[in-house]
C-alpha atoms as a PDB file:
ATOM      1  CA  ALA A   1      31.169  23.242 -23.072  1.00  0.00           C
ATOM      2  CA  PRO A   2      29.317  25.228 -20.400  1.00  0.00           C
ATOM      3  CA  LEU A   3      26.362  23.481 -18.740  1.00  0.00           C
ATOM      4  CA  VAL A   4      23.624  24.578 -16.315  1.00  0.00           C
ATOM      5  CA  VAL A   5      21.359  21.880 -14.881  1.00  0.00           C
ATOM      6  CA  LEU A   6      17.621  22.575 -14.383  1.00  0.00           C
ATOM      7  CA  ASP A   7      15.699  21.123 -11.428  1.00  0.00           C
ATOM      8  CA  ALA A   8      18.496  18.803 -10.278  1.00  0.00           C
ATOM      9  CA  TRP A   9      21.391  18.998  -7.843  1.00  0.00           C
ATOM     10  CA  PHE A  10      24.127  16.476  -7.208  1.00  0.00           C
ATOM     11  CA  GLU A  11      26.305  16.540  -4.089  1.00  0.00           C
ATOM     12  CA  LYS A  12      29.620  16.549  -5.961  1.00  0.00           C
ATOM     13  CA  THR A  13      28.385  18.499  -8.967  1.00  0.00           C
ATOM     14  CA  VAL A  14      30.700  20.404 -11.271  1.00  0.00           C
ATOM     15  CA  PHE A  15      27.745  22.237 -12.839  1.00  0.00           C
ATOM     16  CA  ASP A  16      25.602  25.203 -11.831  1.00  0.00           C
ATOM     17  CA  SER A  17      21.980  24.343 -11.005  1.00  0.00           C
ATOM     18  CA  VAL A  18      18.687  26.227 -11.089  1.00  0.00           C
ATOM     19  CA  LEU A  19      16.198  24.589  -8.727  1.00  0.00           C
ATOM     20  CA  ILE A  20      12.657  24.809  -7.373  1.00  0.00           C
ATOM     21  CA  ASN A  21      12.651  26.074  -3.785  1.00  0.00           C
ATOM     22  CA  ASN A  22      10.788  22.996  -2.525  1.00  0.00           C
ATOM     23  CA  MET A  23      11.287  23.260   1.236  1.00  0.00           C
ATOM     24  CA  ASP A  24      10.307  26.916   1.654  1.00  0.00           C
ATOM     25  CA  SER A  25       7.331  26.514  -0.698  1.00  0.00           C
ATOM     26  CA  ALA A  26       5.943  23.509   1.185  1.00  0.00           C
ATOM     27  CA  LYS A  27       6.546  25.327   4.475  1.00  0.00           C
ATOM     28  CA  GLU A  28       4.583  28.319   3.165  1.00  0.00           C
ATOM     29  CA  ALA A  29       1.701  26.039   2.122  1.00  0.00           C
ATOM     30  CA  ALA A  30       1.551  24.410   5.571  1.00  0.00           C
ATOM     31  CA  GLU A  31       1.824  27.829   7.260  1.00  0.00           C
ATOM     32  CA  TYR A  32      -1.122  29.023   5.161  1.00  0.00           C
ATOM     33  CA  LEU A  33      -3.173  26.048   6.374  1.00  0.00           C
ATOM     34  CA  LEU A  34      -2.146  26.842   9.958  1.00  0.00           C
ATOM     35  CA  SER A  35      -3.186  30.478   9.458  1.00  0.00           C
ATOM     36  CA  CYS A  36      -6.620  29.199   8.341  1.00  0.00           C
ATOM     37  CA  GLY A  37      -6.974  27.507  11.749  1.00  0.00           C
ATOM     38  CA  HIS A  38      -5.950  23.952  10.824  1.00  0.00           C
ATOM     39  CA  ARG A  39      -4.039  22.007  13.463  1.00  0.00           C
ATOM     40  CA  LYS A  40      -4.361  18.483  12.024  1.00  0.00           C
ATOM     41  CA  ILE A  41      -2.479  18.788   8.736  1.00  0.00           C
ATOM     42  CA  GLY A  42      -1.729  15.588   6.866  1.00  0.00           C
ATOM     43  CA  TYR A  43       0.600  14.778   4.015  1.00  0.00           C
ATOM     44  CA  LEU A  44      -0.332  13.078   0.734  1.00  0.00           C
ATOM     45  CA  LYS A  45       3.009  11.422   0.097  1.00  0.00           C
ATOM     46  CA  SER A  46       4.158  10.025  -3.219  1.00  0.00           C
ATOM     47  CA  LYS A  47       5.049   6.333  -2.982  1.00  0.00           C
ATOM     48  CA  ILE A  48       7.893   7.105  -5.397  1.00  0.00           C
ATOM     49  CA  ARG A  49      10.343   9.333  -3.555  1.00  0.00           C
ATOM     50  CA  ILE A  50      12.447  11.891  -5.381  1.00  0.00           C
ATOM     51  CA  ARG A  51      14.654  14.570  -3.876  1.00  0.00           C
ATOM     52  CA  ASN A  52      12.074  17.321  -4.508  1.00  0.00           C
ATOM     53  CA  PHE A  53       9.478  15.391  -2.496  1.00  0.00           C
ATOM     54  CA  ARG A  54      11.890  14.837   0.397  1.00  0.00           C
ATOM     55  CA  TYR A  55      12.460  18.598   0.607  1.00  0.00           C
ATOM     56  CA  ARG A  56       8.695  19.230   0.430  1.00  0.00           C
ATOM     57  CA  ARG A  57       8.149  16.816   3.332  1.00  0.00           C
ATOM     58  CA  GLN A  58      10.805  18.672   5.351  1.00  0.00           C
ATOM     59  CA  GLY A  59       9.031  21.994   4.713  1.00  0.00           C
ATOM     60  CA  TRP A  60       5.676  20.543   5.831  1.00  0.00           C
ATOM     61  CA  MET A  61       7.248  19.117   8.994  1.00  0.00           C
ATOM     62  CA  MET A  62       9.156  22.336   9.745  1.00  0.00           C
ATOM     63  CA  ALA A  63       5.988  24.471   9.591  1.00  0.00           C
ATOM     64  CA  LEU A  64       4.117  22.133  11.946  1.00  0.00           C
ATOM     65  CA  ARG A  65       6.989  21.858  14.436  1.00  0.00           C
ATOM     66  CA  GLU A  66       7.506  25.625  14.497  1.00  0.00           C
ATOM     67  CA  ALA A  67       3.789  25.886  15.395  1.00  0.00           C
ATOM     68  CA  GLY A  68       4.323  23.399  18.249  1.00  0.00           C
ATOM     69  CA  ILE A  69       2.597  20.524  16.430  1.00  0.00           C
ATOM     70  CA  GLU A  70       4.259  17.142  16.034  1.00  0.00           C
ATOM     71  CA  PRO A  71       3.418  15.685  12.577  1.00  0.00           C
ATOM     72  CA  ASP A  72       1.118  12.680  13.061  1.00  0.00           C
ATOM     73  CA  PRO A  73       2.179   9.553  11.104  1.00  0.00           C
ATOM     74  CA  ALA A  74      -1.518   8.528  10.995  1.00  0.00           C
ATOM     75  CA  PHE A  75      -2.125  11.532   8.732  1.00  0.00           C
ATOM     76  CA  VAL A  76       0.564  10.547   6.187  1.00  0.00           C
ATOM     77  CA  PHE A  77      -1.132   8.801   3.264  1.00  0.00           C
ATOM     78  CA  PRO A  78       1.277   7.150   0.750  1.00  0.00           C
ATOM     79  CA  LEU A  79      -0.197   7.339  -2.758  1.00  0.00           C
ATOM     80  CA  THR A  80       0.868   6.272  -6.254  1.00  0.00           C
ATOM     81  CA  PRO A  81       1.896   9.435  -8.163  1.00  0.00           C
ATOM     82  CA  THR A  82      -0.648   9.161 -10.987  1.00  0.00           C
ATOM     83  CA  VAL A  83      -4.214  10.503 -10.889  1.00  0.00           C
ATOM     84  CA  GLU A  84      -5.711   7.008 -11.177  1.00  0.00           C
ATOM     85  CA  GLY A  85      -3.153   5.431  -8.826  1.00  0.00           C
ATOM     86  CA  ALA A  86      -3.627   8.119  -6.154  1.00  0.00           C
ATOM     87  CA  HIS A  87      -7.403   7.779  -6.536  1.00  0.00           C
ATOM     88  CA  GLN A  88      -7.327   3.982  -6.104  1.00  0.00           C
ATOM     89  CA  ASP A  89      -4.864   4.115  -3.195  1.00  0.00           C
ATOM     90  CA  MET A  90      -6.893   6.814  -1.424  1.00  0.00           C
ATOM     91  CA  ARG A  91     -10.134   4.842  -1.932  1.00  0.00           C
ATOM     92  CA  GLY A  92      -8.436   1.803  -0.422  1.00  0.00           C
ATOM     93  CA  LEU A  93      -7.195   3.777   2.570  1.00  0.00           C
ATOM     94  CA  LEU A  94     -10.586   5.434   3.128  1.00  0.00           C
ATOM     95  CA  GLU A  95     -12.316   2.032   3.189  1.00  0.00           C
ATOM     96  CA  GLY A  96     -10.465   1.412   6.460  1.00  0.00           C
ATOM     97  CA  SER A  97     -12.153   4.540   7.939  1.00  0.00           C
ATOM     98  CA  PRO A  98      -8.852   6.113   9.061  1.00  0.00           C
ATOM     99  CA  PRO A  99      -8.851   9.267  11.178  1.00  0.00           C
ATOM    100  CA  LEU A 100      -8.670  12.203   8.781  1.00  0.00           C
ATOM    101  CA  PRO A 101      -6.883  15.499   9.303  1.00  0.00           C
ATOM    102  CA  THR A 102      -8.724  18.726   8.487  1.00  0.00           C
ATOM    103  CA  ALA A 103      -6.188  19.527   5.738  1.00  0.00           C
ATOM    104  CA  PHE A 104      -3.615  17.835   3.513  1.00  0.00           C
ATOM    105  CA  PHE A 105      -0.472  19.071   1.800  1.00  0.00           C
ATOM    106  CA  ALA A 106       0.242  16.959  -1.305  1.00  0.00           C
ATOM    107  CA  ASP A 107       3.612  16.257  -2.946  1.00  0.00           C
ATOM    108  CA  ASN A 108       2.111  17.380  -6.260  1.00  0.00           C
ATOM    109  CA  ASP A 109      -1.145  18.294  -8.014  1.00  0.00           C
ATOM    110  CA  ILE A 110      -1.588  14.889  -9.646  1.00  0.00           C
ATOM    111  CA  ILE A 111      -1.617  13.159  -6.249  1.00  0.00           C
ATOM    112  CA  ALA A 112      -3.852  15.909  -4.837  1.00  0.00           C
ATOM    113  CA  LEU A 113      -6.400  15.512  -7.657  1.00  0.00           C
ATOM    114  CA  GLY A 114      -6.589  11.721  -7.312  1.00  0.00           C
ATOM    115  CA  ALA A 115      -7.024  12.048  -3.548  1.00  0.00           C
ATOM    116  CA  VAL A 116      -9.647  14.815  -3.827  1.00  0.00           C
ATOM    117  CA  ASN A 117     -11.688  12.674  -6.249  1.00  0.00           C
ATOM    118  CA  ALA A 118     -11.564   9.713  -3.841  1.00  0.00           C
ATOM    119  CA  LEU A 119     -12.424  11.869  -0.814  1.00  0.00           C
ATOM    120  CA  SER A 120     -15.393  13.396  -2.647  1.00  0.00           C
ATOM    121  CA  GLU A 121     -16.654   9.963  -3.723  1.00  0.00           C
ATOM    122  CA  CYS A 122     -16.499   8.850  -0.086  1.00  0.00           C
ATOM    123  CA  GLY A 123     -18.627  11.768   1.085  1.00  0.00           C
ATOM    124  CA  VAL A 124     -15.815  14.013   2.337  1.00  0.00           C
ATOM    125  CA  ALA A 125     -16.557  17.595   1.246  1.00  0.00           C
ATOM    126  CA  ILE A 126     -13.618  19.662  -0.054  1.00  0.00           C
ATOM    127  CA  PRO A 127     -12.851  22.131   1.539  1.00  0.00           C
ATOM    128  CA  LYS A 128     -15.695  21.984   4.125  1.00  0.00           C
ATOM    129  CA  ASP A 129     -14.425  18.755   5.742  1.00  0.00           C
ATOM    130  CA  VAL A 130     -10.851  18.601   4.436  1.00  0.00           C
ATOM    131  CA  SER A 131      -8.760  21.255   2.667  1.00  0.00           C
ATOM    132  CA  VAL A 132      -6.077  20.246   0.137  1.00  0.00           C
ATOM    133  CA  ILE A 133      -3.040  22.067  -1.268  1.00  0.00           C
ATOM    134  CA  GLY A 134      -1.096  20.689  -4.234  1.00  0.00           C
ATOM    135  CA  PHE A 135       2.249  21.582  -5.790  1.00  0.00           C
ATOM    136  CA  ASP A 136       3.086  22.605  -9.419  1.00  0.00           C
ATOM    137  CA  ASP A 137      -0.091  24.569 -10.309  1.00  0.00           C
ATOM    138  CA  LEU A 138      -0.827  22.443 -13.362  1.00  0.00           C
ATOM    139  CA  PRO A 139      -3.507  23.846 -15.721  1.00  0.00           C
ATOM    140  CA  PHE A 140      -6.231  21.503 -14.409  1.00  0.00           C
ATOM    141  CA  CYS A 141      -6.032  23.195 -10.988  1.00  0.00           C
ATOM    142  CA  ARG A 142      -8.072  26.082 -12.381  1.00  0.00           C
ATOM    143  CA  ILE A 143     -10.793  23.858 -13.889  1.00  0.00           C
ATOM    144  CA  SER A 144     -11.084  21.121 -11.242  1.00  0.00           C
ATOM    145  CA  THR A 145     -14.036  21.173  -8.826  1.00  0.00           C
ATOM    146  CA  PRO A 146     -13.272  22.715  -6.452  1.00  0.00           C
ATOM    147  CA  MET A 147     -10.428  24.700  -8.022  1.00  0.00           C
ATOM    148  CA  LEU A 148      -7.217  23.407  -6.432  1.00  0.00           C
ATOM    149  CA  THR A 149      -5.022  25.600  -4.260  1.00  0.00           C
ATOM    150  CA  SER A 150      -1.452  24.925  -5.365  1.00  0.00           C
ATOM    151  CA  ILE A 151       2.103  26.193  -5.458  1.00  0.00           C
ATOM    152  CA  ARG A 152       2.957  27.743  -8.821  1.00  0.00           C
ATOM    153  CA  VAL A 153       6.421  26.888 -10.116  1.00  0.00           C
ATOM    154  CA  ASP A 154       7.636  29.561 -12.537  1.00  0.00           C
ATOM    155  CA  LYS A 155       9.356  27.319 -15.074  1.00  0.00           C
ATOM    156  CA  GLU A 156       9.876  30.214 -17.501  1.00  0.00           C
ATOM    157  CA  LYS A 157      11.744  32.156 -14.827  1.00  0.00           C
ATOM    158  CA  MET A 158      13.870  29.074 -14.103  1.00  0.00           C
ATOM    159  CA  GLY A 159      14.698  28.803 -17.807  1.00  0.00           C
ATOM    160  CA  ARG A 160      15.583  32.508 -18.095  1.00  0.00           C
ATOM    161  CA  VAL A 161      17.880  32.322 -15.056  1.00  0.00           C
ATOM    162  CA  ALA A 162      19.593  29.213 -16.466  1.00  0.00           C
ATOM    163  CA  VAL A 163      20.129  30.868 -19.872  1.00  0.00           C
ATOM    164  CA  ARG A 164      21.498  34.015 -18.185  1.00  0.00           C
ATOM    165  CA  ARG A 165      23.952  31.852 -16.245  1.00  0.00           C
ATOM    166  CA  LEU A 166      24.976  30.021 -19.440  1.00  0.00           C
ATOM    167  CA  VAL A 167      25.670  33.356 -21.158  1.00  0.00           C
ATOM    168  CA  GLU A 168      27.874  34.367 -18.201  1.00  0.00           C
ATOM    169  CA  HIS A 169      29.827  31.118 -18.615  1.00  0.00           C
ATOM    170  CA  ILE A 170      30.279  31.783 -22.330  1.00  0.00           C
ATOM    171  CA  ASN A 171      31.345  35.411 -21.798  1.00  0.00           C
ATOM    172  CA  ASP A 172      33.545  34.921 -18.720  1.00  0.00           C
ATOM    173  CA  GLY A 173      34.995  31.477 -19.310  1.00  0.00           C
ATOM    174  CA  SER A 174      34.781  28.678 -16.781  1.00  0.00           C
ATOM    175  CA  PRO A 175      34.106  30.194 -13.319  1.00  0.00           C
ATOM    176  CA  ASP A 176      35.877  29.089 -10.107  1.00  0.00           C
ATOM    177  CA  VAL A 177      32.621  28.912  -8.147  1.00  0.00           C
ATOM    178  CA  ARG A 178      29.634  26.670  -8.811  1.00  0.00           C
ATOM    179  CA  ILE A 179      26.262  28.282  -8.139  1.00  0.00           C
ATOM    180  CA  LYS A 180      23.035  26.708  -6.885  1.00  0.00           C
ATOM    181  CA  ILE A 181      20.068  29.027  -7.491  1.00  0.00           C
ATOM    182  CA  GLU A 182      16.650  28.309  -5.948  1.00  0.00           C
ATOM    183  CA  ILE A 183      13.633  29.982  -7.543  1.00  0.00           C
ATOM    184  CA  CYS A 184      10.923  31.028  -5.079  1.00  0.00           C
ATOM    185  CA  ASN A 185       7.390  29.927  -5.900  1.00  0.00           C
ATOM    186  CA  THR A 186       3.914  31.424  -5.431  1.00  0.00           C
ATOM    187  CA  LEU A 187       1.025  29.968  -3.433  1.00  0.00           C
ATOM    188  CA  MET A 188      -2.088  30.201  -5.625  1.00  0.00           C
ATOM    189  CA  LYS A 189      -5.016  30.359  -3.186  1.00  0.00           C
ATOM    190  CA  ARG A 190      -8.173  28.882  -4.691  1.00  0.00           C
ATOM    191  CA  ASP A 191     -11.170  26.918  -3.405  1.00  0.00           C
ATOM    192  CA  SER A 192      -9.768  23.654  -2.057  1.00  0.00           C
END
């Protein structure tokens, strides 16, 4: 039976895949922060590492290096990927009065929200003192305070592309070539 995998890719796959363009999207987010004048851009890193997050980290690093900035390990904050976990971890890190960048790119919105809540509680104004960009554009981004800048992943478009590819398989039989399709995302500029 024909099969198209969504949001996953395996090195020796025999299936087509439709993926999020993680690296380019994260690079665009970091480039946007650079265009706003930021030079100290940190990374809110999920303690649980998945392939998508590794590609996002590469995009963040690529943007900084292309701007002649070496990513500073002191500005990488590992956080538990839940709102409460990220909040608690960020509070713990902030108690040590670490040097803060002027902006953070976060692996996802959930981590970003937990971190923003902790920063705000510790007297760090968002975005006056520190700007934050998340990833996924979850619905709460538009109702959080401040509204969270994030990368919108068009899941409907991913689904449509996958279905179109499945129909091709059904109509044309099993193809000789496996296809990996990356869907480009949109940076939603808001208040954070």
